[in-house]
């Protein structure tokens, strides 16, 4: 009889606690290998114990033949292990009982001083999120953005006070608006360049009068700016934010605009419209081809890279020589197929119905007179309301004799913020997250027969569509 210890209370632990003999469990992975630039002189791998499997996998697969240097941090010497390093590599183990960002940054400085990393080193780091901030700051001005990948694998929980505490209600988003305004004005960037008085800062930003004091006070209360005498300066937290474009998107840009549409959610629920349409005057689908939104959605689609194995397998099952891809995920899907060795021909197309064409990559436009063997809709359907979805599905028939929907019907259930992401999605489209059965219904309404959905991981499903047979000849839909 084996005894197992459950760690935490996440989805995996909850399933394991309730599992009984015969219960089925599906999983995907491991993730695809790290995508590295073509020209690197060395690679530095930094991580705590949670990063050791990824570091070990790097040495197993060895995607580049350059010197690799490892900084491994462990709470106890029993975690030390052979990682498969070769001649020219180095591995240094450091004792770290608890996450310590200053220790990590200092160890990196020592490594850079004692090893020749060359002109184009790549730095990869993973571990407790907050402990990686000093390293992020240290290398921000030394290592180009495309030569570093720093990933927060986990977050240290703050110690709770003794006794049960009732859940706290969310506070008004005053601080969020303060940070958003500071980024929009360029205030944090200006103070990161050099400290200055509020008056000089106003002149630098082209603002009238002495109007910045309330905003600076709010930012100081959040630890983003500091004041010494009359001079204001950017705090380390502000510099971290300026170095992290993904974090900035939570305050400015398309992601923030989606959140702002929630201010009309009550009216949307009363009228049956979408909050986005009430706030902006047009449907979310109309915004999909705007450059900023298209770039944002393509960036969101980059998670497809981590599902390379299951996606390439799904493409192979299509047995198609010619495939046209539309939607925000089209450019990434072409990259995934190429990296996975898929032998067929993929090109990016457009339906003219709100589908976001790719950024110009690919071998063709998909706009020829003859439809391809298969048309793939990559991560588009969940951005459309039902009418837009029907129009898109009908247009796919002009692009391919068969079709494949690659979509994430609902936010990733493993995310603690899945419900909140679901609400933002509802605000932008006016449609609750679709089950794959609902996707199948829409397909049936538009002349397709939907085959059973295939889970690819992280909530992504693949649904193959074939032309619907005439009534009386149609095979029953598989549940």
Protein backbone atom coordinates (compact mmCIF):
# COMPACT_ATOMS: atom_id res chain seq x y z
CA UNK A 1 0.00 0.00 0.00
CA UNK A 2 1.47 3.35 -1.04
CA UNK A 3 0.98 6.56 0.92
CA UNK A 4 0.79 9.85 -0.93
CA UNK A 5 1.17 13.37 0.42
CA UNK A 6 -0.99 16.10 -1.11
CA UNK A 7 0.62 19.49 -1.57
CA UNK A 8 -1.75 22.46 -1.64
CA UNK A 9 -5.40 22.55 -2.62
CA UNK A 10 -5.25 23.06 -6.38
CA UNK A 11 -7.18 21.19 -9.12
CA UNK A 12 -4.74 18.25 -9.22
CA UNK A 13 -4.85 17.71 -5.45
CA UNK A 14 -8.65 18.02 -5.43
CA UNK A 15 -8.94 15.37 -8.16
CA UNK A 16 -6.48 13.05 -6.43
CA UNK A 17 -8.37 13.23 -3.13
CA UNK A 18 -11.60 12.14 -4.81
CA UNK A 19 -10.11 9.69 -7.33
CA UNK A 20 -11.25 6.08 -7.29
CA UNK A 21 -9.93 3.04 -9.19
CA UNK A 22 -11.02 3.31 -12.80
CA UNK A 23 -11.26 7.12 -12.87
CA UNK A 24 -9.63 8.59 -15.98
CA UNK A 25 -6.98 11.30 -15.93
CA UNK A 26 -5.71 13.06 -19.05
CA UNK A 27 -2.61 15.20 -19.17
CA UNK A 28 -0.33 16.87 -21.69
CA UNK A 29 3.34 17.63 -21.70
CA UNK A 30 6.05 18.11 -21.15
CA UNK A 31 6.05 21.60 -22.64
CA UNK A 32 7.95 22.19 -25.83
CA UNK A 33 11.59 23.16 -25.54
CA UNK A 34 12.61 26.75 -24.90
CA UNK A 35 12.64 28.85 -28.06
CA UNK A 36 16.12 30.40 -28.27
CA UNK A 37 17.48 33.11 -30.57
CA UNK A 38 19.63 31.92 -33.44
CA UNK A 39 22.85 33.54 -32.23
CA UNK A 40 23.81 33.03 -28.58
CA UNK A 41 27.29 32.66 -27.11
CA UNK A 42 26.28 30.88 -23.88
CA UNK A 43 23.26 30.13 -21.75
CA UNK A 44 22.83 30.73 -18.03
CA UNK A 45 20.14 28.66 -16.27
CA UNK A 46 19.05 29.96 -12.87
CA UNK A 47 16.47 28.25 -10.69
CA UNK A 48 15.34 26.92 -7.36
CA UNK A 49 14.24 23.34 -6.77
CA UNK A 50 11.04 23.83 -8.78
CA UNK A 51 13.15 24.65 -11.85
CA UNK A 52 15.40 21.59 -11.68
CA UNK A 53 13.23 19.41 -13.99
CA UNK A 54 13.30 22.10 -16.68
CA UNK A 55 17.07 22.55 -16.29
CA UNK A 56 17.58 18.81 -16.48
CA UNK A 57 15.48 18.64 -19.60
CA UNK A 58 17.62 21.32 -21.23
CA UNK A 59 20.67 19.10 -20.80
CA UNK A 60 18.75 16.03 -21.99
CA UNK A 61 17.71 17.72 -25.23
CA UNK A 62 20.55 20.22 -25.58
CA UNK A 63 18.85 22.51 -28.15
CA UNK A 64 22.03 24.60 -28.61
CA UNK A 65 25.72 23.66 -28.54
CA UNK A 66 27.08 26.50 -26.44
CA UNK A 67 28.50 26.51 -22.90
CA UNK A 68 25.76 26.21 -20.27
CA UNK A 69 26.17 27.56 -16.75
CA UNK A 70 23.74 26.62 -13.98
CA UNK A 71 22.99 28.43 -10.73
CA UNK A 72 20.84 26.04 -8.70
CA UNK A 73 19.38 27.07 -5.34
CA UNK A 74 18.13 24.48 -2.87
CA UNK A 75 16.92 24.50 0.71
CA UNK A 76 18.95 21.42 1.53
CA UNK A 77 21.98 19.62 0.12
CA UNK A 78 19.86 16.50 -0.41
CA UNK A 79 18.36 18.21 -3.49
CA UNK A 80 21.72 18.27 -5.27
CA UNK A 81 21.75 16.04 -8.35
CA UNK A 82 23.62 15.39 -11.56
CA UNK A 83 22.02 17.46 -14.31
CA UNK A 84 23.82 15.94 -17.29
CA UNK A 85 26.27 18.78 -17.84
CA UNK A 86 29.10 18.29 -20.35
CA UNK A 87 32.63 19.58 -20.78
CA UNK A 88 32.65 23.38 -20.84
CA UNK A 89 29.53 23.62 -18.70
CA UNK A 90 29.41 24.59 -15.03
CA UNK A 91 26.97 23.93 -12.20
CA UNK A 92 27.03 25.83 -8.93
CA UNK A 93 24.77 24.88 -6.03
CA UNK A 94 23.78 27.51 -3.46
CA UNK A 95 22.03 26.94 -0.15
CA UNK A 96 18.78 28.95 0.00
CA UNK A 97 16.37 27.86 2.78
CA UNK A 98 13.78 30.42 1.65
CA UNK A 99 13.40 32.62 -1.47
CA UNK A 100 16.12 35.29 -1.44
CA UNK A 101 16.33 37.64 -4.40
CA UNK A 102 19.50 39.39 -3.28
CA UNK A 103 21.29 36.04 -2.95
CA UNK A 104 20.23 35.05 -6.47
CA UNK A 105 21.37 38.37 -7.98
CA UNK A 106 24.72 38.27 -6.14
CA UNK A 107 25.37 34.69 -7.29
CA UNK A 108 24.68 35.73 -10.88
CA UNK A 109 27.14 38.62 -10.60
CA UNK A 110 29.82 36.24 -9.32
CA UNK A 111 29.16 33.81 -12.16
CA UNK A 112 29.36 36.58 -14.78
CA UNK A 113 32.67 37.73 -13.26
CA UNK A 114 34.28 34.28 -13.28
CA UNK A 115 33.01 32.84 -16.58
CA UNK A 116 33.28 34.16 -20.11
CA UNK A 117 29.64 34.36 -21.23
CA UNK A 118 30.52 35.85 -24.61
CA UNK A 119 28.84 38.73 -26.42
CA UNK A 120 25.34 37.22 -26.67
CA UNK A 121 24.49 35.21 -23.54
CA UNK A 122 20.94 33.99 -22.98
CA UNK A 123 19.66 34.08 -19.39
CA UNK A 124 16.84 31.79 -18.30
CA UNK A 125 15.56 31.88 -14.73
CA UNK A 126 12.62 30.32 -12.92
CA UNK A 127 11.47 30.05 -9.32
CA UNK A 128 9.56 32.08 -6.75
CA UNK A 129 8.29 35.16 -8.59
CA UNK A 130 9.27 37.93 -6.16
CA UNK A 131 12.76 36.49 -5.59
CA UNK A 132 13.55 36.90 -9.30
CA UNK A 133 12.92 40.65 -9.34
CA UNK A 134 16.48 41.66 -8.29
CA UNK A 135 17.90 39.48 -11.06
CA UNK A 136 15.47 41.00 -13.55
CA UNK A 137 16.63 44.48 -12.53
CA UNK A 138 20.30 43.49 -12.64
CA UNK A 139 20.27 42.20 -16.22
CA UNK A 140 17.63 44.57 -17.67
CA UNK A 141 20.22 46.99 -19.06
CA UNK A 142 22.82 44.33 -19.88
CA UNK A 143 20.94 41.53 -21.64
CA UNK A 144 18.52 42.31 -24.54
CA UNK A 145 14.88 41.41 -23.99
CA UNK A 146 14.95 38.61 -26.58
CA UNK A 147 17.96 37.08 -24.78
CA UNK A 148 16.32 36.63 -21.39
CA UNK A 149 13.38 34.65 -20.06
CA UNK A 150 12.53 35.05 -16.38
CA UNK A 151 9.50 33.08 -15.21
CA UNK A 152 7.75 33.09 -11.86
CA UNK A 153 6.92 29.42 -11.26
CA UNK A 154 5.29 30.05 -7.88
CA UNK A 155 4.43 32.71 -5.29
CA UNK A 156 5.38 32.57 -1.63
CA UNK A 157 2.28 32.92 0.53
CA UNK A 158 2.21 35.66 3.10
CA UNK A 159 1.88 34.51 6.68
CA UNK A 160 -1.71 34.77 7.86
CA UNK A 161 -2.52 36.21 11.24
CA UNK A 162 -3.83 33.80 13.86
CA UNK A 163 -7.55 33.10 13.81
CA UNK A 164 -10.04 32.86 10.99
CA UNK A 165 -10.48 36.03 8.95
CA UNK A 166 -13.55 36.74 6.87
CA UNK A 167 -12.87 37.22 3.14
CA UNK A 168 -12.16 40.88 2.39
CA UNK A 169 -14.25 42.65 -0.21
CA UNK A 170 -12.34 44.12 -3.15
CA UNK A 171 -11.26 47.70 -2.67
CA UNK A 172 -12.13 50.38 -5.25
CA UNK A 173 -9.55 50.27 -8.06
CA UNK A 174 -8.08 53.69 -7.24
CA UNK A 175 -4.49 52.44 -7.23
CA UNK A 176 -5.00 50.70 -10.59
CA UNK A 177 -6.11 53.98 -12.17
CA UNK A 178 -3.15 55.78 -10.60
CA UNK A 179 -0.67 53.32 -12.15
CA UNK A 180 -2.52 53.39 -15.48
CA UNK A 181 -2.36 57.20 -15.56
CA UNK A 182 1.34 57.22 -14.65
CA UNK A 183 2.12 54.85 -17.51
CA UNK A 184 -0.01 56.75 -19.99
CA UNK A 185 1.69 60.04 -19.10
CA UNK A 186 5.19 58.57 -19.16
CA UNK A 187 5.62 59.70 -15.56
CA UNK A 188 7.34 56.55 -14.27
CA UNK A 189 9.70 56.44 -17.23
CA UNK A 190 10.67 60.09 -16.66
CA UNK A 191 11.41 59.49 -12.98
CA UNK A 192 13.36 56.32 -13.81
CA UNK A 193 15.71 58.46 -15.94
CA UNK A 194 16.45 60.91 -13.11
CA UNK A 195 14.85 62.29 -9.90
CA UNK A 196 13.11 65.64 -10.22
CA UNK A 197 10.70 67.96 -8.49
CA UNK A 198 6.99 67.84 -9.18
CA UNK A 199 7.23 71.16 -11.02
CA UNK A 200 10.02 70.03 -13.30
CA UNK A 201 8.23 66.73 -13.89
CA UNK A 202 5.11 68.62 -14.96
CA UNK A 203 7.16 70.63 -17.46
CA UNK A 204 8.89 67.49 -18.77
CA UNK A 205 5.50 65.88 -19.38
CA UNK A 206 3.96 69.04 -20.83
CA UNK A 207 1.32 69.32 -18.11
CA UNK A 208 -0.21 72.63 -17.03
CA UNK A 209 0.25 73.95 -13.50
CA UNK A 210 1.08 72.12 -10.28
CA UNK A 211 -1.35 69.24 -10.66
CA UNK A 212 0.77 66.13 -10.06
CA UNK A 213 0.95 66.11 -6.26
CA UNK A 214 -2.20 63.97 -5.72
CA UNK A 215 -1.06 61.41 -8.29
CA UNK A 216 2.48 61.27 -6.90
CA UNK A 217 1.11 60.79 -3.40
CA UNK A 218 -1.04 57.88 -4.55
CA UNK A 219 1.89 56.27 -6.35
CA UNK A 220 4.07 56.70 -3.26
CA UNK A 221 1.46 54.93 -1.15
CA UNK A 222 1.78 51.95 -3.50
CA UNK A 223 5.58 51.90 -3.30
CA UNK A 224 6.13 52.99 -6.91
CA UNK A 225 7.80 56.35 -6.28
CA UNK A 226 9.86 57.78 -3.44
CA UNK A 227 10.54 61.32 -2.28
CA UNK A 228 13.70 62.81 -0.87
CA UNK A 229 13.46 66.50 -0.02
CA UNK A 230 11.65 67.96 -3.06
CA UNK A 231 12.78 65.34 -5.57
CA UNK A 232 10.64 62.40 -6.67
CA UNK A 233 12.22 59.20 -8.02
CA UNK A 234 11.05 55.85 -9.40
CA UNK A 235 11.16 53.08 -6.80
CA UNK A 236 12.49 49.58 -7.66
CA UNK A 237 8.90 48.34 -8.11
CA UNK A 238 8.34 50.97 -10.82
CA UNK A 239 11.53 49.94 -12.60
CA UNK A 240 10.39 46.31 -12.51
CA UNK A 241 7.09 47.35 -14.07
CA UNK A 242 8.84 49.34 -16.80
CA UNK A 243 11.02 46.32 -17.61
CA UNK A 244 8.02 43.98 -17.91
CA UNK A 245 5.80 44.72 -20.92
CA UNK A 246 3.40 41.93 -19.97
CA UNK A 247 2.74 43.50 -16.56
CA UNK A 248 2.18 46.89 -18.17
CA UNK A 249 -0.58 45.41 -20.31
CA UNK A 250 -2.63 44.99 -17.15
CA UNK A 251 -2.82 48.80 -16.94
CA UNK A 252 -2.58 50.10 -20.51
CA UNK A 253 -3.32 48.70 -23.95
CA UNK A 254 -5.98 46.29 -25.21
CA UNK A 255 -6.07 44.11 -22.08
CA UNK A 256 -6.78 47.15 -19.91
CA UNK A 257 -9.44 48.37 -22.35
CA UNK A 258 -11.25 45.07 -21.95
CA UNK A 259 -11.21 45.50 -18.18
CA UNK A 260 -12.48 49.07 -18.46
CA UNK A 261 -15.51 47.86 -20.42
CA UNK A 262 -16.72 46.22 -17.19
CA UNK A 263 -17.90 49.69 -16.11
CA UNK A 264 -20.92 49.07 -18.40
CA UNK A 265 -21.54 45.49 -17.31
CA UNK A 266 -24.75 46.30 -15.43
CA UNK A 267 -26.23 47.98 -18.53
CA UNK A 268 -25.07 45.08 -20.69
CA UNK A 269 -26.85 42.56 -18.47
CA UNK A 270 -30.04 44.63 -18.62
CA UNK A 271 -30.00 45.16 -22.40
CA UNK A 272 -28.53 41.87 -23.66
CA UNK A 273 -25.69 43.71 -25.39
CA UNK A 274 -21.99 43.46 -24.59
CA UNK A 275 -20.29 45.81 -22.15
CA UNK A 276 -17.56 46.42 -24.74
CA UNK A 277 -20.09 47.57 -27.34
CA UNK A 278 -21.81 49.89 -24.88
CA UNK A 279 -18.46 51.40 -23.83
CA UNK A 280 -16.88 51.72 -27.28
CA UNK A 281 -19.82 51.99 -29.65
CA UNK A 282 -18.84 48.96 -31.72
CA UNK A 283 -18.59 45.21 -31.27
CA UNK A 284 -15.41 43.58 -30.03
CA UNK A 285 -15.15 41.74 -33.36
CA UNK A 286 -14.78 45.12 -35.10
CA UNK A 287 -11.66 45.82 -33.04
CA UNK A 288 -9.92 42.54 -33.86
CA UNK A 289 -8.20 43.84 -36.99
CA UNK A 290 -6.91 47.02 -35.31
CA UNK A 291 -3.10 46.77 -35.17
CA UNK A 292 -2.78 47.10 -31.38
CA UNK A 293 -5.50 44.52 -30.68
CA UNK A 294 -4.25 42.13 -33.38
CA UNK A 295 -0.74 42.28 -31.92
CA UNK A 296 -2.09 41.71 -28.40
CA UNK A 297 -4.15 38.67 -29.42
CA UNK A 298 -1.26 37.21 -31.43
CA UNK A 299 0.95 37.61 -28.35
CA UNK A 300 -1.69 35.84 -26.24
CA UNK A 301 -1.62 32.98 -28.75
CA UNK A 302 2.06 32.29 -28.10
CA UNK A 303 1.03 29.75 -25.46
CA UNK A 304 0.36 27.41 -28.42
CA UNK A 305 4.12 26.86 -28.57
CA UNK A 306 3.93 24.93 -25.29
CA UNK A 307 1.37 22.54 -26.80
CA UNK A 308 3.49 21.76 -29.84
CA UNK A 309 3.39 17.98 -29.48
CA UNK A 310 -0.39 17.67 -29.18
CA UNK A 311 -1.02 20.25 -31.91
CA UNK A 312 1.31 18.61 -34.43
CA UNK A 313 -0.29 15.26 -33.62
CA UNK A 314 -3.75 16.75 -34.29
CA UNK A 315 -2.52 18.21 -37.59
CA UNK A 316 -1.15 14.83 -38.61
CA UNK A 317 -4.49 13.17 -37.97
CA UNK A 318 -6.08 15.52 -40.54
CA UNK A 319 -4.05 13.85 -43.32
CA UNK A 320 -4.14 17.08 -45.29
CA UNK A 321 -1.56 18.27 -47.81
CA UNK A 322 -2.77 21.87 -47.89
CA UNK A 323 -4.05 23.85 -44.90
CA UNK A 324 -5.16 27.47 -44.63
CA UNK A 325 -5.11 29.07 -41.17
CA UNK A 326 -6.98 32.16 -39.98
CA UNK A 327 -7.33 33.85 -36.63
CA UNK A 328 -5.02 35.44 -34.05
CA UNK A 329 -3.15 32.17 -33.53
CA UNK A 330 -2.33 31.69 -37.23
CA UNK A 331 1.30 32.94 -37.20
CA UNK A 332 2.12 30.97 -34.05
CA UNK A 333 0.46 27.83 -35.43
CA UNK A 334 2.65 28.00 -38.54
CA UNK A 335 5.71 28.30 -36.28
CA UNK A 336 4.58 25.34 -34.17
CA UNK A 337 4.01 23.19 -37.25
CA UNK A 338 7.44 24.05 -38.68
CA UNK A 339 9.25 23.39 -35.42
CA UNK A 340 7.37 20.12 -34.99
CA UNK A 341 8.36 18.87 -38.43
CA UNK A 342 4.85 18.82 -39.89
CA UNK A 343 5.28 17.89 -43.57
CA UNK A 344 2.15 19.52 -45.00
CA UNK A 345 1.79 23.03 -46.44
CA UNK A 346 0.29 25.68 -44.15
CA UNK A 347 -0.52 29.25 -45.19
CA UNK A 348 -2.25 32.19 -43.57
CA UNK A 349 -5.57 33.34 -44.96
CA UNK A 350 -8.39 35.71 -44.18
CA UNK A 351 -12.13 35.27 -44.26
CA UNK A 352 -13.07 38.93 -44.36
CA UNK A 353 -15.50 38.30 -41.53
CA UNK A 354 -13.63 39.58 -38.54
CA UNK A 355 -10.91 36.94 -38.73
CA UNK A 356 -7.56 38.45 -37.92
CA UNK A 357 -5.10 37.65 -40.71
CA UNK A 358 -1.55 36.84 -39.77
CA UNK A 359 1.30 39.31 -39.70
CA UNK A 360 2.45 38.38 -43.17
CA UNK A 361 4.32 35.18 -42.33
CA UNK A 362 3.52 31.95 -44.12
CA UNK A 363 3.81 30.64 -47.62
CA UNK A 364 0.58 31.96 -49.07
CA UNK A 365 -2.47 34.11 -48.57
CA UNK A 366 -5.11 31.45 -48.54
CA UNK A 367 -7.20 33.60 -50.90
CA UNK A 368 -7.07 31.43 -54.02
CA UNK A 369 -10.15 30.25 -55.84
CA UNK A 370 -9.71 26.63 -54.83
CA UNK A 371 -10.32 25.83 -51.16
CA UNK A 372 -7.58 24.08 -49.25
CA UNK A 373 -7.95 20.56 -47.90
CA UNK A 374 -8.57 22.01 -44.43
CA UNK A 375 -9.26 25.49 -43.06
CA UNK A 376 -8.19 26.04 -39.44
CA UNK A 377 -9.67 28.71 -37.19
CA UNK A 378 -6.99 29.38 -34.57
CA UNK A 379 -8.15 31.03 -31.35
CA UNK A 380 -10.79 33.25 -32.93
CA UNK A 381 -14.19 31.80 -32.12
CA UNK A 382 -14.21 32.76 -28.41
CA UNK A 383 -13.68 36.41 -29.39
CA UNK A 384 -16.94 36.46 -31.40
CA UNK A 385 -20.56 36.70 -30.36
CA UNK A 386 -22.93 34.06 -31.72
CA UNK A 387 -23.80 36.01 -34.87
CA UNK A 388 -20.14 36.66 -35.59
CA UNK A 389 -19.32 33.02 -34.90
CA UNK A 390 -21.93 31.83 -37.39
CA UNK A 391 -20.61 34.22 -40.05
CA UNK A 392 -17.08 33.02 -39.44
CA UNK A 393 -18.06 29.35 -39.62
CA UNK A 394 -19.86 29.89 -42.92
CA UNK A 395 -16.79 31.67 -44.31
CA UNK A 396 -14.58 28.70 -43.41
CA UNK A 397 -16.46 26.65 -46.01
CA UNK A 398 -14.98 28.90 -48.71
CA UNK A 399 -11.46 28.30 -47.40
CA UNK A 400 -11.42 24.55 -46.88
CA UNK A 401 -13.26 21.39 -47.80
CA UNK A 402 -12.99 20.49 -44.12
CA UNK A 403 -12.31 22.68 -41.10
CA UNK A 404 -10.70 22.47 -37.69
CA UNK A 405 -11.59 24.71 -34.78
CA UNK A 406 -8.71 25.30 -32.38
CA UNK A 407 -10.17 27.24 -29.52
CA UNK A 408 -10.23 27.64 -25.75
CA UNK A 409 -13.94 27.61 -24.94
CA UNK A 410 -13.35 28.62 -21.30
CA UNK A 411 -10.47 30.19 -19.33
CA UNK A 412 -7.85 27.76 -18.08
CA UNK A 413 -9.39 26.13 -15.01
CA UNK A 414 -5.94 25.77 -13.43
CA UNK A 415 -5.67 29.54 -13.13
CA UNK A 416 -6.85 30.97 -9.78
CA UNK A 417 -8.23 33.93 -11.74
CA UNK A 418 -10.16 31.81 -14.25
CA UNK A 419 -13.56 33.11 -13.09
CA UNK A 420 -12.40 36.72 -13.38
CA UNK A 421 -10.97 36.12 -16.85
CA UNK A 422 -14.29 34.55 -17.77
CA UNK A 423 -16.12 37.70 -16.68
CA UNK A 424 -13.85 39.89 -18.82
CA UNK A 425 -14.48 37.61 -21.79
CA UNK A 426 -18.22 37.89 -21.24
CA UNK A 427 -17.98 41.67 -21.01
CA UNK A 428 -16.22 41.91 -24.37
CA UNK A 429 -18.41 39.52 -26.37
CA UNK A 430 -21.68 39.38 -24.42
CA UNK A 431 -21.53 35.58 -24.64
CA UNK A 432 -20.70 33.25 -21.72
CA UNK A 433 -17.81 30.84 -22.28
CA UNK A 434 -18.95 28.20 -24.74
CA UNK A 435 -18.78 24.50 -24.08
CA UNK A 436 -17.55 22.45 -27.00
CA UNK A 437 -21.11 21.16 -27.32
CA UNK A 438 -22.23 24.76 -27.93
CA UNK A 439 -19.46 25.12 -30.51
CA UNK A 440 -20.83 21.99 -32.19
CA UNK A 441 -24.36 23.45 -32.23
CA UNK A 442 -23.15 26.61 -33.98
CA UNK A 443 -21.29 24.48 -36.51
CA UNK A 444 -24.38 22.37 -37.21
CA UNK A 445 -26.39 25.57 -37.75
CA UNK A 446 -23.94 26.72 -40.42
CA UNK A 447 -23.73 23.57 -42.56
CA UNK A 448 -21.01 21.62 -40.75
CA UNK A 449 -21.01 18.36 -38.86
CA UNK A 450 -18.92 18.64 -35.70
CA UNK A 451 -16.95 15.60 -34.60
CA UNK A 452 -16.06 14.94 -30.98
CA UNK A 453 -13.80 17.51 -29.35
CA UNK A 454 -10.21 16.57 -28.62
CA UNK A 455 -8.50 18.14 -25.62
CA UNK A 456 -5.01 19.45 -26.36
CA UNK A 457 -4.20 20.86 -22.93
CA UNK A 458 -4.69 24.08 -20.95
CA UNK A 459 -8.34 24.24 -22.01
CA UNK A 460 -7.55 24.20 -25.74
CA UNK A 461 -9.73 21.86 -27.80
CA UNK A 462 -9.68 20.79 -31.44
CA UNK A 463 -13.02 20.14 -33.15
CA UNK A 464 -12.95 18.76 -36.68
CA UNK A 465 -15.75 19.90 -38.99
CA UNK A 466 -16.92 18.10 -42.12
CA UNK A 467 -19.69 19.20 -44.52
CA UNK A 468 -23.05 18.20 -43.11
CA UNK A 469 -24.71 15.34 -44.97
CA UNK A 470 -28.25 15.71 -46.29
CA UNK A 471 -31.05 14.98 -43.83
CA UNK A 472 -31.63 11.26 -43.47
CA UNK A 473 -28.04 10.38 -44.36
CA UNK A 474 -26.34 12.10 -41.45
CA UNK A 475 -24.60 9.98 -38.86
CA UNK A 476 -25.66 10.73 -35.30
CA UNK A 477 -23.58 13.28 -33.39
CA UNK A 478 -21.21 11.65 -30.90
CA UNK A 479 -21.54 12.88 -27.36
